[in-house]
Amino acid sequence: MKKIITRTLSATALLLAANQVFAVEPPNRTECIAPAKPGGGFDLTCKLIQVSLQETKAIDKPMRVTYMPGGVGAVAYNAIVAQRPAEFGTVVAFSGGSLLNLSQGKFGRYNVDDVKWLAAVGTDYGMIAVRADSPYKTLKDLMDAFQKNPDSVVFGAGASIGSQDWMKTALLARQVGVDPHKMRYVAFEGGGEPVTALLGNHIQAVSGDLSEMVPHLKSDKLRVLAVYAEERLPGELANVPTAKEQGFNLIWPIIRGFYVGPKVSEEEYQWWADTFKKMMATEEFKKQRDLRGLFEFNLTGTELDSYVKNQVTQYREQAKVFGLAK
């Protein structure tokens, strides 16, 4: 009889535990932190879920987007881990650039294990662009001029030396025999500022992400010389040639996603993971993702955690080649 009672109690306990897991209510207030100034890739990533969560009825009230620039995510990362680790309603955008900086120890005393990696919502690709009236019509034109006189080309990007935007340009420089450390490179904060500098003719080329250029492609003010994808992208971007087809071996995908604080409970974390899975399966989300020039790359939970940690390891090895990591 005792064994039967024990089993009954155990079954009841399991049922109650399960009910508690599914009883997690949506957060009363939701916020997406974009770790840069408005106008760049982080802003785009937050706006993507701000609209999609509302359209798919996952939340009742609009998600707030706030900006916390600094170090391609370093300031936001430190703030979440140290000051706001248990905020259920707060998600923070990250990108491949964030992971590259993590791999180089640029996030201070915190590392890849100090947050909970939540969801990847798409992938972007690196690119290089010039003004529409630039004398450089192709990537080869630009790199030929750069090879002959490295001082004649000023590259601009939304991050510092050692960032992914710098790394992409450095890889091109190596392919034409120029020391990457001798490039004229201007670092801005966020993806919007270098575009403004380019349009103002203060720099000659922007190294950035293709999604950041999508709003400008129809304006006839910019020309994307190359996208760093394996092959040409579909739809409206099919006219943008790859670096590879122009003789430069450079492929650079850029994951875009979110993490939450380390002390968000497992039940709350699972609520977010399930919500993202449902949202990313909807046509509303796919439409919003496409509008922002992103391509399908859906990962959540442990799958994303494994991907992120593997990517950080790979970036660390790549950074060592340029003397940027130990």
C-alpha atoms as a PDB file:
ATOM      1  CA  MET A   1       0.000   0.000   0.000  1.00  0.00           C
ATOM      2  CA  LYS A   2       2.827   2.396   0.848  1.00  0.00           C
ATOM      3  CA  LYS A   3       4.367   1.876  -2.599  1.00  0.00           C
ATOM      4  CA  ILE A   4       1.039   2.644  -4.282  1.00  0.00           C
ATOM      5  CA  ILE A   5       0.602   5.832  -2.228  1.00  0.00           C
ATOM      6  CA  THR A   6       4.167   6.910  -2.985  1.00  0.00           C
ATOM      7  CA  ARG A   7       3.663   6.402  -6.706  1.00  0.00           C
ATOM      8  CA  THR A   8       0.372   8.291  -6.598  1.00  0.00           C
ATOM      9  CA  LEU A   9       2.000  11.203  -4.798  1.00  0.00           C
ATOM     10  CA  SER A  10       4.897  11.208  -7.253  1.00  0.00           C
ATOM     11  CA  ALA A  11       2.527  11.289 -10.214  1.00  0.00           C
ATOM     12  CA  THR A  12       0.587  14.128  -8.609  1.00  0.00           C
ATOM     13  CA  ALA A  13       3.803  16.058  -7.975  1.00  0.00           C
ATOM     14  CA  LEU A  14       4.850  15.647 -11.605  1.00  0.00           C
ATOM     15  CA  LEU A  15       1.451  16.850 -12.804  1.00  0.00           C
ATOM     16  CA  LEU A  16       1.624  19.902 -10.563  1.00  0.00           C
ATOM     17  CA  ALA A  17       5.166  20.665 -11.763  1.00  0.00           C
ATOM     18  CA  ALA A  18       4.056  20.398 -15.370  1.00  0.00           C
ATOM     19  CA  ASN A  19       1.138  22.720 -14.718  1.00  0.00           C
ATOM     20  CA  GLN A  20       3.498  25.231 -13.133  1.00  0.00           C
ATOM     21  CA  VAL A  21       5.732  25.173 -16.220  1.00  0.00           C
ATOM     22  CA  PHE A  22       2.844  25.906 -18.548  1.00  0.00           C
ATOM     23  CA  ALA A  23       1.368  28.466 -16.155  1.00  0.00           C
ATOM     24  CA  VAL A  24       4.026  31.076 -16.950  1.00  0.00           C
ATOM     25  CA  GLU A  25       2.239  34.220 -18.021  1.00  0.00           C
ATOM     26  CA  PRO A  26       3.697  36.550 -20.669  1.00  0.00           C
ATOM     27  CA  PRO A  27       5.737  39.402 -19.181  1.00  0.00           C
ATOM     28  CA  ASN A  28       3.713  42.516 -18.351  1.00  0.00           C
ATOM     29  CA  ARG A  29       6.291  44.696 -20.065  1.00  0.00           C
ATOM     30  CA  THR A  30       8.599  43.726 -22.919  1.00  0.00           C
ATOM     31  CA  GLU A  31      11.734  45.496 -24.067  1.00  0.00           C
ATOM     32  CA  CYS A  32      14.283  44.851 -26.783  1.00  0.00           C
ATOM     33  CA  ILE A  33      17.682  46.412 -26.251  1.00  0.00           C
ATOM     34  CA  ALA A  34      19.529  47.371 -29.435  1.00  0.00           C
ATOM     35  CA  PRO A  35      23.199  47.711 -28.407  1.00  0.00           C
ATOM     36  CA  ALA A  36      23.921  50.625 -30.778  1.00  0.00           C
ATOM     37  CA  LYS A  37      22.510  53.919 -31.964  1.00  0.00           C
ATOM     38  CA  PRO A  38      19.345  53.859 -34.105  1.00  0.00           C
ATOM     39  CA  GLY A  39      19.584  52.912 -37.756  1.00  0.00           C
ATOM     40  CA  GLY A  40      21.870  49.883 -37.792  1.00  0.00           C
ATOM     41  CA  GLY A  41      21.558  46.124 -37.733  1.00  0.00           C
ATOM     42  CA  PHE A  42      20.704  45.855 -34.031  1.00  0.00           C
ATOM     43  CA  ASP A  43      17.900  48.355 -34.483  1.00  0.00           C
ATOM     44  CA  LEU A  44      16.646  46.366 -37.468  1.00  0.00           C
ATOM     45  CA  THR A  45      16.716  43.135 -35.453  1.00  0.00           C
ATOM     46  CA  CYS A  46      14.725  44.613 -32.578  1.00  0.00           C
ATOM     47  CA  LYS A  47      12.193  46.213 -34.933  1.00  0.00           C
ATOM     48  CA  LEU A  48      11.705  42.837 -36.624  1.00  0.00           C
ATOM     49  CA  ILE A  49      10.429  41.172 -33.444  1.00  0.00           C
ATOM     50  CA  GLN A  50       8.706  44.307 -32.179  1.00  0.00           C
ATOM     51  CA  VAL A  51       6.391  44.148 -35.191  1.00  0.00           C
ATOM     52  CA  SER A  52       6.193  40.357 -35.448  1.00  0.00           C
ATOM     53  CA  LEU A  53       5.331  39.706 -31.792  1.00  0.00           C
ATOM     54  CA  GLN A  54       2.506  42.216 -32.030  1.00  0.00           C
ATOM     55  CA  GLU A  55       1.183  40.920 -35.359  1.00  0.00           C
ATOM     56  CA  THR A  56       1.176  37.296 -34.174  1.00  0.00           C
ATOM     57  CA  LYS A  57      -0.591  38.238 -30.900  1.00  0.00           C
ATOM     58  CA  ALA A  58       2.224  36.821 -28.782  1.00  0.00           C
ATOM     59  CA  ILE A  59       2.113  39.929 -26.589  1.00  0.00           C
ATOM     60  CA  ASP A  60      -0.728  42.334 -25.822  1.00  0.00           C
ATOM     61  CA  LYS A  61       1.228  45.579 -25.580  1.00  0.00           C
ATOM     62  CA  PRO A  62       3.844  46.876 -28.043  1.00  0.00           C
ATOM     63  CA  MET A  63       7.435  45.952 -27.252  1.00  0.00           C
ATOM     64  CA  ARG A  64       9.634  48.877 -26.350  1.00  0.00           C
ATOM     65  CA  VAL A  65      12.919  49.300 -28.257  1.00  0.00           C
ATOM     66  CA  THR A  66      15.733  51.036 -26.371  1.00  0.00           C
ATOM     67  CA  TYR A  67      19.267  51.851 -27.450  1.00  0.00           C
ATOM     68  CA  MET A  68      22.393  51.086 -25.467  1.00  0.00           C
ATOM     69  CA  PRO A  69      25.408  51.793 -27.719  1.00  0.00           C
ATOM     70  CA  GLY A  70      28.943  50.811 -26.933  1.00  0.00           C
ATOM     71  CA  GLY A  71      31.452  48.210 -28.064  1.00  0.00           C
ATOM     72  CA  VAL A  72      29.208  46.352 -30.544  1.00  0.00           C
ATOM     73  CA  GLY A  73      27.177  45.044 -27.624  1.00  0.00           C
ATOM     74  CA  ALA A  74      29.711  45.177 -24.792  1.00  0.00           C
ATOM     75  CA  VAL A  75      27.898  47.878 -22.773  1.00  0.00           C
ATOM     76  CA  ALA A  76      24.546  46.094 -23.068  1.00  0.00           C
ATOM     77  CA  TYR A  77      26.092  42.712 -22.250  1.00  0.00           C
ATOM     78  CA  ASN A  78      27.686  44.046 -19.071  1.00  0.00           C
ATOM     79  CA  ALA A  79      24.500  45.861 -18.043  1.00  0.00           C
ATOM     80  CA  ILE A  80      22.335  42.751 -18.415  1.00  0.00           C
ATOM     81  CA  VAL A  81      24.737  40.425 -16.622  1.00  0.00           C
ATOM     82  CA  ALA A  82      25.668  42.751 -13.768  1.00  0.00           C
ATOM     83  CA  GLN A  83      22.636  44.981 -13.256  1.00  0.00           C
ATOM     84  CA  ARG A  84      19.563  43.408 -14.907  1.00  0.00           C
ATOM     85  CA  PRO A  85      20.173  39.641 -14.896  1.00  0.00           C
ATOM     86  CA  ALA A  86      16.646  38.475 -14.014  1.00  0.00           C
ATOM     87  CA  GLU A  87      14.422  40.673 -16.216  1.00  0.00           C
ATOM     88  CA  PHE A  88      11.939  38.292 -17.822  1.00  0.00           C
ATOM     89  CA  GLY A  89      10.605  40.837 -20.297  1.00  0.00           C
ATOM     90  CA  THR A  90      13.964  42.044 -21.622  1.00  0.00           C
ATOM     91  CA  VAL A  91      15.725  40.557 -24.638  1.00  0.00           C
ATOM     92  CA  VAL A  92      18.954  41.882 -26.137  1.00  0.00           C
ATOM     93  CA  ALA A  93      19.909  41.766 -29.807  1.00  0.00           C
ATOM     94  CA  PHE A  94      23.222  40.251 -30.832  1.00  0.00           C
ATOM     95  CA  SER A  95      24.978  39.569 -34.109  1.00  0.00           C
ATOM     96  CA  GLY A  96      28.007  37.775 -35.459  1.00  0.00           C
ATOM     97  CA  GLY A  97      29.912  40.962 -34.641  1.00  0.00           C
ATOM     98  CA  SER A  98      28.990  40.578 -30.976  1.00  0.00           C
ATOM     99  CA  LEU A  99      30.322  37.020 -31.012  1.00  0.00           C
ATOM    100  CA  LEU A 100      33.547  38.117 -32.705  1.00  0.00           C
ATOM    101  CA  ASN A 101      34.144  40.709 -29.981  1.00  0.00           C
ATOM    102  CA  LEU A 102      33.331  38.145 -27.301  1.00  0.00           C
ATOM    103  CA  SER A 103      35.962  35.858 -28.831  1.00  0.00           C
ATOM    104  CA  GLN A 104      38.570  38.605 -28.440  1.00  0.00           C
ATOM    105  CA  GLY A 105      37.712  39.331 -24.806  1.00  0.00           C
ATOM    106  CA  LYS A 106      36.253  42.755 -25.609  1.00  0.00           C
ATOM    107  CA  PHE A 107      33.252  42.301 -23.306  1.00  0.00           C
ATOM    108  CA  GLY A 108      35.373  42.780 -20.197  1.00  0.00           C
ATOM    109  CA  ARG A 109      35.276  40.100 -17.528  1.00  0.00           C
ATOM    110  CA  TYR A 110      32.223  38.370 -18.992  1.00  0.00           C
ATOM    111  CA  ASN A 111      32.327  35.588 -21.550  1.00  0.00           C
ATOM    112  CA  VAL A 112      30.030  33.541 -23.767  1.00  0.00           C
ATOM    113  CA  ASP A 113      28.744  31.503 -20.806  1.00  0.00           C
ATOM    114  CA  ASP A 114      27.385  34.497 -18.872  1.00  0.00           C
ATOM    115  CA  VAL A 115      23.990  34.925 -20.605  1.00  0.00           C
ATOM    116  CA  LYS A 116      21.245  32.640 -21.886  1.00  0.00           C
ATOM    117  CA  TRP A 117      21.263  32.486 -25.691  1.00  0.00           C
ATOM    118  CA  LEU A 118      17.652  32.560 -26.757  1.00  0.00           C
ATOM    119  CA  ALA A 119      16.927  32.633 -30.487  1.00  0.00           C
ATOM    120  CA  ALA A 120      18.425  33.286 -33.906  1.00  0.00           C
ATOM    121  CA  VAL A 121      15.882  34.930 -36.198  1.00  0.00           C
ATOM    122  CA  GLY A 122      17.783  35.227 -39.456  1.00  0.00           C
ATOM    123  CA  THR A 123      21.084  35.637 -41.195  1.00  0.00           C
ATOM    124  CA  ASP A 124      22.561  38.573 -43.016  1.00  0.00           C
ATOM    125  CA  TYR A 125      25.687  38.838 -45.174  1.00  0.00           C
ATOM    126  CA  GLY A 126      28.604  41.211 -45.202  1.00  0.00           C
ATOM    127  CA  MET A 127      28.973  43.634 -48.094  1.00  0.00           C
ATOM    128  CA  ILE A 128      30.933  46.621 -49.307  1.00  0.00           C
ATOM    129  CA  ALA A 129      29.297  49.717 -50.802  1.00  0.00           C
ATOM    130  CA  VAL A 130      30.282  53.022 -52.400  1.00  0.00           C
ATOM    131  CA  ARG A 131      28.405  56.125 -53.500  1.00  0.00           C
ATOM    132  CA  ALA A 132      26.397  55.739 -56.689  1.00  0.00           C
ATOM    133  CA  ASP A 133      28.609  58.333 -58.394  1.00  0.00           C
ATOM    134  CA  SER A 134      31.842  56.661 -57.272  1.00  0.00           C
ATOM    135  CA  PRO A 135      34.481  55.927 -59.935  1.00  0.00           C
ATOM    136  CA  TYR A 136      34.619  52.371 -58.543  1.00  0.00           C
ATOM    137  CA  LYS A 137      32.077  50.332 -60.492  1.00  0.00           C
ATOM    138  CA  THR A 138      33.182  46.901 -59.272  1.00  0.00           C
ATOM    139  CA  LEU A 139      34.956  45.420 -56.279  1.00  0.00           C
ATOM    140  CA  LYS A 140      37.996  44.870 -58.500  1.00  0.00           C
ATOM    141  CA  ASP A 141      38.046  48.596 -59.381  1.00  0.00           C
ATOM    142  CA  LEU A 142      38.066  49.495 -55.696  1.00  0.00           C
ATOM    143  CA  MET A 143      40.717  46.982 -54.697  1.00  0.00           C
ATOM    144  CA  ASP A 144      42.951  47.839 -57.681  1.00  0.00           C
ATOM    145  CA  ALA A 145      42.960  51.478 -56.577  1.00  0.00           C
ATOM    146  CA  PHE A 146      43.542  50.448 -52.968  1.00  0.00           C
ATOM    147  CA  GLN A 147      46.429  48.167 -53.973  1.00  0.00           C
ATOM    148  CA  LYS A 148      48.148  50.920 -55.988  1.00  0.00           C
ATOM    149  CA  ASN A 149      47.710  53.526 -53.253  1.00  0.00           C
ATOM    150  CA  PRO A 150      46.276  52.353 -49.906  1.00  0.00           C
ATOM    151  CA  ASP A 151      45.958  55.967 -48.736  1.00  0.00           C
ATOM    152  CA  SER A 152      43.539  56.778 -51.560  1.00  0.00           C
ATOM    153  CA  VAL A 153      40.679  54.773 -50.077  1.00  0.00           C
ATOM    154  CA  VAL A 154      39.143  55.463 -46.682  1.00  0.00           C
ATOM    155  CA  PHE A 155      36.941  52.638 -45.396  1.00  0.00           C
ATOM    156  CA  GLY A 156      34.242  53.312 -42.830  1.00  0.00           C
ATOM    157  CA  ALA A 157      32.257  50.916 -40.664  1.00  0.00           C
ATOM    158  CA  GLY A 158      30.076  50.770 -37.598  1.00  0.00           C
ATOM    159  CA  ALA A 159      32.682  49.218 -35.330  1.00  0.00           C
ATOM    160  CA  SER A 160      36.298  49.433 -34.210  1.00  0.00           C
ATOM    161  CA  ILE A 161      39.493  47.752 -35.381  1.00  0.00           C
ATOM    162  CA  GLY A 162      39.178  44.014 -34.825  1.00  0.00           C
ATOM    163  CA  SER A 163      35.407  44.043 -35.410  1.00  0.00           C
ATOM    164  CA  GLN A 164      33.778  41.952 -38.097  1.00  0.00           C
ATOM    165  CA  ASP A 165      33.492  44.996 -40.388  1.00  0.00           C
ATOM    166  CA  TRP A 166      37.211  45.607 -39.980  1.00  0.00           C
ATOM    167  CA  MET A 167      37.955  41.892 -40.351  1.00  0.00           C
ATOM    168  CA  LYS A 168      36.038  41.653 -43.642  1.00  0.00           C
ATOM    169  CA  THR A 169      37.996  44.578 -45.062  1.00  0.00           C
ATOM    170  CA  ALA A 170      41.263  43.219 -43.677  1.00  0.00           C
ATOM    171  CA  LEU A 171      40.678  39.908 -45.447  1.00  0.00           C
ATOM    172  CA  LEU A 172      40.214  41.782 -48.736  1.00  0.00           C
ATOM    173  CA  ALA A 173      43.388  43.778 -48.090  1.00  0.00           C
ATOM    174  CA  ARG A 174      45.399  40.602 -47.541  1.00  0.00           C
ATOM    175  CA  GLN A 175      44.164  39.220 -50.847  1.00  0.00           C
ATOM    176  CA  VAL A 176      45.677  42.177 -52.717  1.00  0.00           C
ATOM    177  CA  GLY A 177      48.891  42.143 -50.687  1.00  0.00           C
ATOM    178  CA  VAL A 178      48.266  45.183 -48.476  1.00  0.00           C
ATOM    179  CA  ASP A 179      49.007  45.086 -44.738  1.00  0.00           C
ATOM    180  CA  PRO A 180      45.545  45.335 -43.084  1.00  0.00           C
ATOM    181  CA  HIS A 181      47.014  47.386 -40.247  1.00  0.00           C
ATOM    182  CA  LYS A 182      47.931  50.112 -42.734  1.00  0.00           C
ATOM    183  CA  MET A 183      44.374  50.598 -44.013  1.00  0.00           C
ATOM    184  CA  ARG A 184      42.732  53.971 -43.551  1.00  0.00           C
ATOM    185  CA  TYR A 185      39.776  52.855 -41.471  1.00  0.00           C
ATOM    186  CA  VAL A 186      37.251  55.069 -39.660  1.00  0.00           C
ATOM    187  CA  ALA A 187      35.199  53.474 -36.882  1.00  0.00           C
ATOM    188  CA  PHE A 188      31.685  54.744 -36.226  1.00  0.00           C
ATOM    189  CA  GLU A 189      29.087  53.665 -33.651  1.00  0.00           C
ATOM    190  CA  GLY A 190      26.355  51.658 -35.352  1.00  0.00           C
ATOM    191  CA  GLY A 191      25.570  50.937 -38.982  1.00  0.00           C
ATOM    192  CA  GLY A 192      23.771  54.193 -39.755  1.00  0.00           C
ATOM    193  CA  GLU A 193      26.672  56.617 -39.210  1.00  0.00           C
ATOM    194  CA  PRO A 194      29.084  55.276 -41.856  1.00  0.00           C
ATOM    195  CA  VAL A 195      26.336  55.456 -44.486  1.00  0.00           C
ATOM    196  CA  THR A 196      25.822  59.123 -43.606  1.00  0.00           C
ATOM    197  CA  ALA A 197      29.584  59.676 -43.850  1.00  0.00           C
ATOM    198  CA  LEU A 198      29.677  57.959 -47.227  1.00  0.00           C
ATOM    199  CA  LEU A 199      26.809  60.059 -48.599  1.00  0.00           C
ATOM    200  CA  GLY A 200      28.646  63.141 -47.320  1.00  0.00           C
ATOM    201  CA  ASN A 201      31.758  62.006 -49.242  1.00  0.00           C
ATOM    202  CA  HIS A 202      33.857  61.798 -46.059  1.00  0.00           C
ATOM    203  CA  ILE A 203      34.814  58.182 -46.760  1.00  0.00           C
ATOM    204  CA  GLN A 204      35.070  56.205 -50.000  1.00  0.00           C
ATOM    205  CA  ALA A 205      33.572  52.862 -49.007  1.00  0.00           C
ATOM    206  CA  VAL A 206      31.407  51.304 -46.299  1.00  0.00           C
ATOM    207  CA  SER A 207      32.081  47.848 -44.932  1.00  0.00           C
ATOM    208  CA  GLY A 208      28.906  46.581 -43.345  1.00  0.00           C
ATOM    209  CA  ASP A 209      25.933  44.266 -43.534  1.00  0.00           C
ATOM    210  CA  LEU A 210      23.647  43.953 -46.533  1.00  0.00           C
ATOM    211  CA  SER A 211      20.440  44.370 -44.507  1.00  0.00           C
ATOM    212  CA  GLU A 212      21.625  47.840 -43.476  1.00  0.00           C
ATOM    213  CA  MET A 213      21.791  48.778 -47.164  1.00  0.00           C
ATOM    214  CA  VAL A 214      18.324  47.500 -48.154  1.00  0.00           C
ATOM    215  CA  PRO A 215      16.563  50.837 -47.391  1.00  0.00           C
ATOM    216  CA  HIS A 216      19.128  52.638 -49.592  1.00  0.00           C
ATOM    217  CA  LEU A 217      19.155  50.309 -52.591  1.00  0.00           C
ATOM    218  CA  LYS A 218      16.138  51.976 -54.210  1.00  0.00           C
ATOM    219  CA  SER A 219      17.371  55.505 -53.578  1.00  0.00           C
ATOM    220  CA  ASP A 220      20.071  55.441 -56.285  1.00  0.00           C
ATOM    221  CA  LYS A 221      22.496  57.023 -53.848  1.00  0.00           C
ATOM    222  CA  LEU A 222      24.586  53.929 -53.059  1.00  0.00           C
ATOM    223  CA  ARG A 223      26.041  51.054 -55.019  1.00  0.00           C
ATOM    224  CA  VAL A 224      26.770  47.715 -53.352  1.00  0.00           C
ATOM    225  CA  LEU A 225      29.910  46.397 -55.048  1.00  0.00           C
ATOM    226  CA  ALA A 226      29.765  42.916 -53.557  1.00  0.00           C
ATOM    227  CA  VAL A 227      27.939  40.702 -51.096  1.00  0.00           C
ATOM    228  CA  TYR A 228      29.923  38.120 -49.139  1.00  0.00           C
ATOM    229  CA  ALA A 229      27.628  35.171 -49.833  1.00  0.00           C
ATOM    230  CA  GLU A 230      28.372  31.819 -51.429  1.00  0.00           C
ATOM    231  CA  GLU A 231      26.176  32.699 -54.395  1.00  0.00           C
ATOM    232  CA  ARG A 232      23.897  35.536 -55.483  1.00  0.00           C
ATOM    233  CA  LEU A 233      20.931  36.165 -53.242  1.00  0.00           C
ATOM    234  CA  PRO A 234      17.333  35.867 -54.452  1.00  0.00           C
ATOM    235  CA  GLY A 235      14.726  38.496 -55.263  1.00  0.00           C
ATOM    236  CA  GLU A 236      15.628  42.169 -55.447  1.00  0.00           C
ATOM    237  CA  LEU A 237      19.206  41.417 -54.341  1.00  0.00           C
ATOM    238  CA  ALA A 238      19.925  39.154 -57.315  1.00  0.00           C
ATOM    239  CA  ASN A 239      21.645  42.037 -59.123  1.00  0.00           C
ATOM    240  CA  VAL A 240      24.290  42.376 -56.408  1.00  0.00           C
ATOM    241  CA  PRO A 241      27.366  40.332 -57.418  1.00  0.00           C
ATOM    242  CA  THR A 242      29.248  38.210 -54.898  1.00  0.00           C
ATOM    243  CA  ALA A 243      32.863  38.888 -53.989  1.00  0.00           C
ATOM    244  CA  LYS A 244      33.600  35.311 -54.981  1.00  0.00           C
ATOM    245  CA  GLU A 245      32.455  35.741 -58.576  1.00  0.00           C
ATOM    246  CA  GLN A 246      34.719  38.813 -58.822  1.00  0.00           C
ATOM    247  CA  GLY A 247      37.781  36.827 -57.822  1.00  0.00           C
ATOM    248  CA  PHE A 248      37.855  37.475 -54.058  1.00  0.00           C
ATOM    249  CA  ASN A 249      37.500  34.508 -51.736  1.00  0.00           C
ATOM    250  CA  LEU A 250      35.370  36.036 -49.001  1.00  0.00           C
ATOM    251  CA  ILE A 251      32.164  34.574 -47.568  1.00  0.00           C
ATOM    252  CA  TRP A 252      30.795  36.145 -44.379  1.00  0.00           C
ATOM    253  CA  PRO A 253      27.320  35.278 -43.059  1.00  0.00           C
ATOM    254  CA  ILE A 254      26.068  37.232 -40.040  1.00  0.00           C
ATOM    255  CA  ILE A 255      23.699  35.648 -37.546  1.00  0.00           C
ATOM    256  CA  ARG A 256      21.119  37.897 -35.902  1.00  0.00           C
ATOM    257  CA  GLY A 257      19.369  36.939 -32.695  1.00  0.00           C
ATOM    258  CA  PHE A 258      18.683  37.522 -29.009  1.00  0.00           C
ATOM    259  CA  TYR A 259      19.758  36.558 -25.514  1.00  0.00           C
ATOM    260  CA  VAL A 260      18.315  37.075 -22.028  1.00  0.00           C
ATOM    261  CA  GLY A 261      19.874  37.632 -18.622  1.00  0.00           C
ATOM    262  CA  PRO A 262      21.570  34.780 -16.759  1.00  0.00           C
ATOM    263  CA  LYS A 263      19.047  34.745 -13.886  1.00  0.00           C
ATOM    264  CA  VAL A 264      15.900  34.586 -15.998  1.00  0.00           C
ATOM    265  CA  SER A 265      14.219  31.393 -14.759  1.00  0.00           C
ATOM    266  CA  GLU A 266      14.139  28.257 -16.882  1.00  0.00           C
ATOM    267  CA  GLU A 267      10.346  28.489 -17.113  1.00  0.00           C
ATOM    268  CA  GLU A 268      10.535  32.110 -18.302  1.00  0.00           C
ATOM    269  CA  TYR A 269      13.324  31.258 -20.724  1.00  0.00           C
ATOM    270  CA  GLN A 270      11.235  28.416 -22.118  1.00  0.00           C
ATOM    271  CA  TRP A 271       8.291  30.763 -22.573  1.00  0.00           C
ATOM    272  CA  TRP A 272      10.445  32.976 -24.761  1.00  0.00           C
ATOM    273  CA  ALA A 273      11.905  30.006 -26.691  1.00  0.00           C
ATOM    274  CA  ASP A 274       8.423  28.610 -27.408  1.00  0.00           C
ATOM    275  CA  THR A 275       7.126  32.052 -28.356  1.00  0.00           C
ATOM    276  CA  PHE A 276       9.978  32.589 -30.820  1.00  0.00           C
ATOM    277  CA  LYS A 277       9.448  29.150 -32.378  1.00  0.00           C
ATOM    278  CA  LYS A 278       5.762  29.834 -32.955  1.00  0.00           C
ATOM    279  CA  MET A 279       6.407  33.348 -34.233  1.00  0.00           C
ATOM    280  CA  MET A 280       9.117  32.294 -36.697  1.00  0.00           C
ATOM    281  CA  ALA A 281       6.762  29.725 -38.255  1.00  0.00           C
ATOM    282  CA  THR A 282       4.183  32.371 -39.181  1.00  0.00           C
ATOM    283  CA  GLU A 283       3.808  34.070 -42.544  1.00  0.00           C
ATOM    284  CA  GLU A 284       3.677  37.441 -40.789  1.00  0.00           C
ATOM    285  CA  PHE A 285       7.172  36.943 -39.393  1.00  0.00           C
ATOM    286  CA  LYS A 286       8.579  35.654 -42.696  1.00  0.00           C
ATOM    287  CA  LYS A 287       7.234  38.720 -44.466  1.00  0.00           C
ATOM    288  CA  GLN A 288       8.804  41.072 -41.917  1.00  0.00           C
ATOM    289  CA  ARG A 289      12.124  39.204 -42.090  1.00  0.00           C
ATOM    290  CA  ASP A 290      12.175  39.431 -45.893  1.00  0.00           C
ATOM    291  CA  LEU A 291      11.382  43.152 -45.803  1.00  0.00           C
ATOM    292  CA  ARG A 292      14.535  43.663 -43.733  1.00  0.00           C
ATOM    293  CA  GLY A 293      16.808  41.772 -46.101  1.00  0.00           C
ATOM    294  CA  LEU A 294      17.358  38.824 -43.774  1.00  0.00           C
ATOM    295  CA  PHE A 295      17.351  35.160 -44.716  1.00  0.00           C
ATOM    296  CA  GLU A 296      16.009  32.163 -42.838  1.00  0.00           C
ATOM    297  CA  PHE A 297      18.142  30.943 -39.947  1.00  0.00           C
ATOM    298  CA  ASN A 298      15.986  29.713 -37.091  1.00  0.00           C
ATOM    299  CA  LEU A 299      17.617  28.318 -33.962  1.00  0.00           C
ATOM    300  CA  THR A 300      16.459  28.350 -30.339  1.00  0.00           C
ATOM    301  CA  GLY A 301      17.482  26.924 -26.986  1.00  0.00           C
ATOM    302  CA  THR A 302      20.289  24.400 -26.737  1.00  0.00           C
ATOM    303  CA  GLU A 303      20.817  24.307 -30.513  1.00  0.00           C
ATOM    304  CA  LEU A 304      21.534  28.030 -30.557  1.00  0.00           C
ATOM    305  CA  ASP A 305      23.711  27.768 -27.445  1.00  0.00           C
ATOM    306  CA  SER A 306      25.912  25.154 -29.157  1.00  0.00           C
ATOM    307  CA  TYR A 307      26.077  27.177 -32.374  1.00  0.00           C
ATOM    308  CA  VAL A 308      27.086  30.387 -30.563  1.00  0.00           C
ATOM    309  CA  LYS A 309      29.847  28.746 -28.541  1.00  0.00           C
ATOM    310  CA  ASN A 310      31.244  26.985 -31.600  1.00  0.00           C
ATOM    311  CA  GLN A 311      31.178  30.257 -33.552  1.00  0.00           C
ATOM    312  CA  VAL A 312      33.030  32.104 -30.789  1.00  0.00           C
ATOM    313  CA  THR A 313      35.751  29.436 -30.877  1.00  0.00           C
ATOM    314  CA  GLN A 314      36.097  29.775 -34.661  1.00  0.00           C
ATOM    315  CA  TYR A 315      36.226  33.569 -34.488  1.00  0.00           C
ATOM    316  CA  ARG A 316      38.937  33.382 -31.837  1.00  0.00           C
ATOM    317  CA  GLU A 317      41.126  31.297 -34.141  1.00  0.00           C
ATOM    318  CA  GLN A 318      40.521  33.743 -37.004  1.00  0.00           C
ATOM    319  CA  ALA A 319      41.374  36.719 -34.814  1.00  0.00           C
ATOM    320  CA  LYS A 320      44.663  35.129 -33.824  1.00  0.00           C
ATOM    321  CA  VAL A 321      45.796  35.364 -37.469  1.00  0.00           C
ATOM    322  CA  PHE A 322      45.644  39.175 -37.177  1.00  0.00           C
ATOM    323  CA  GLY A 323      47.164  39.247 -33.697  1.00  0.00           C
ATOM    324  CA  LEU A 324      43.844  40.276 -32.151  1.00  0.00           C
ATOM    325  CA  ALA A 325      43.370  37.375 -29.747  1.00  0.00           C
ATOM    326  CA  LYS A 326      45.530  35.063 -27.673  1.00  0.00           C
END
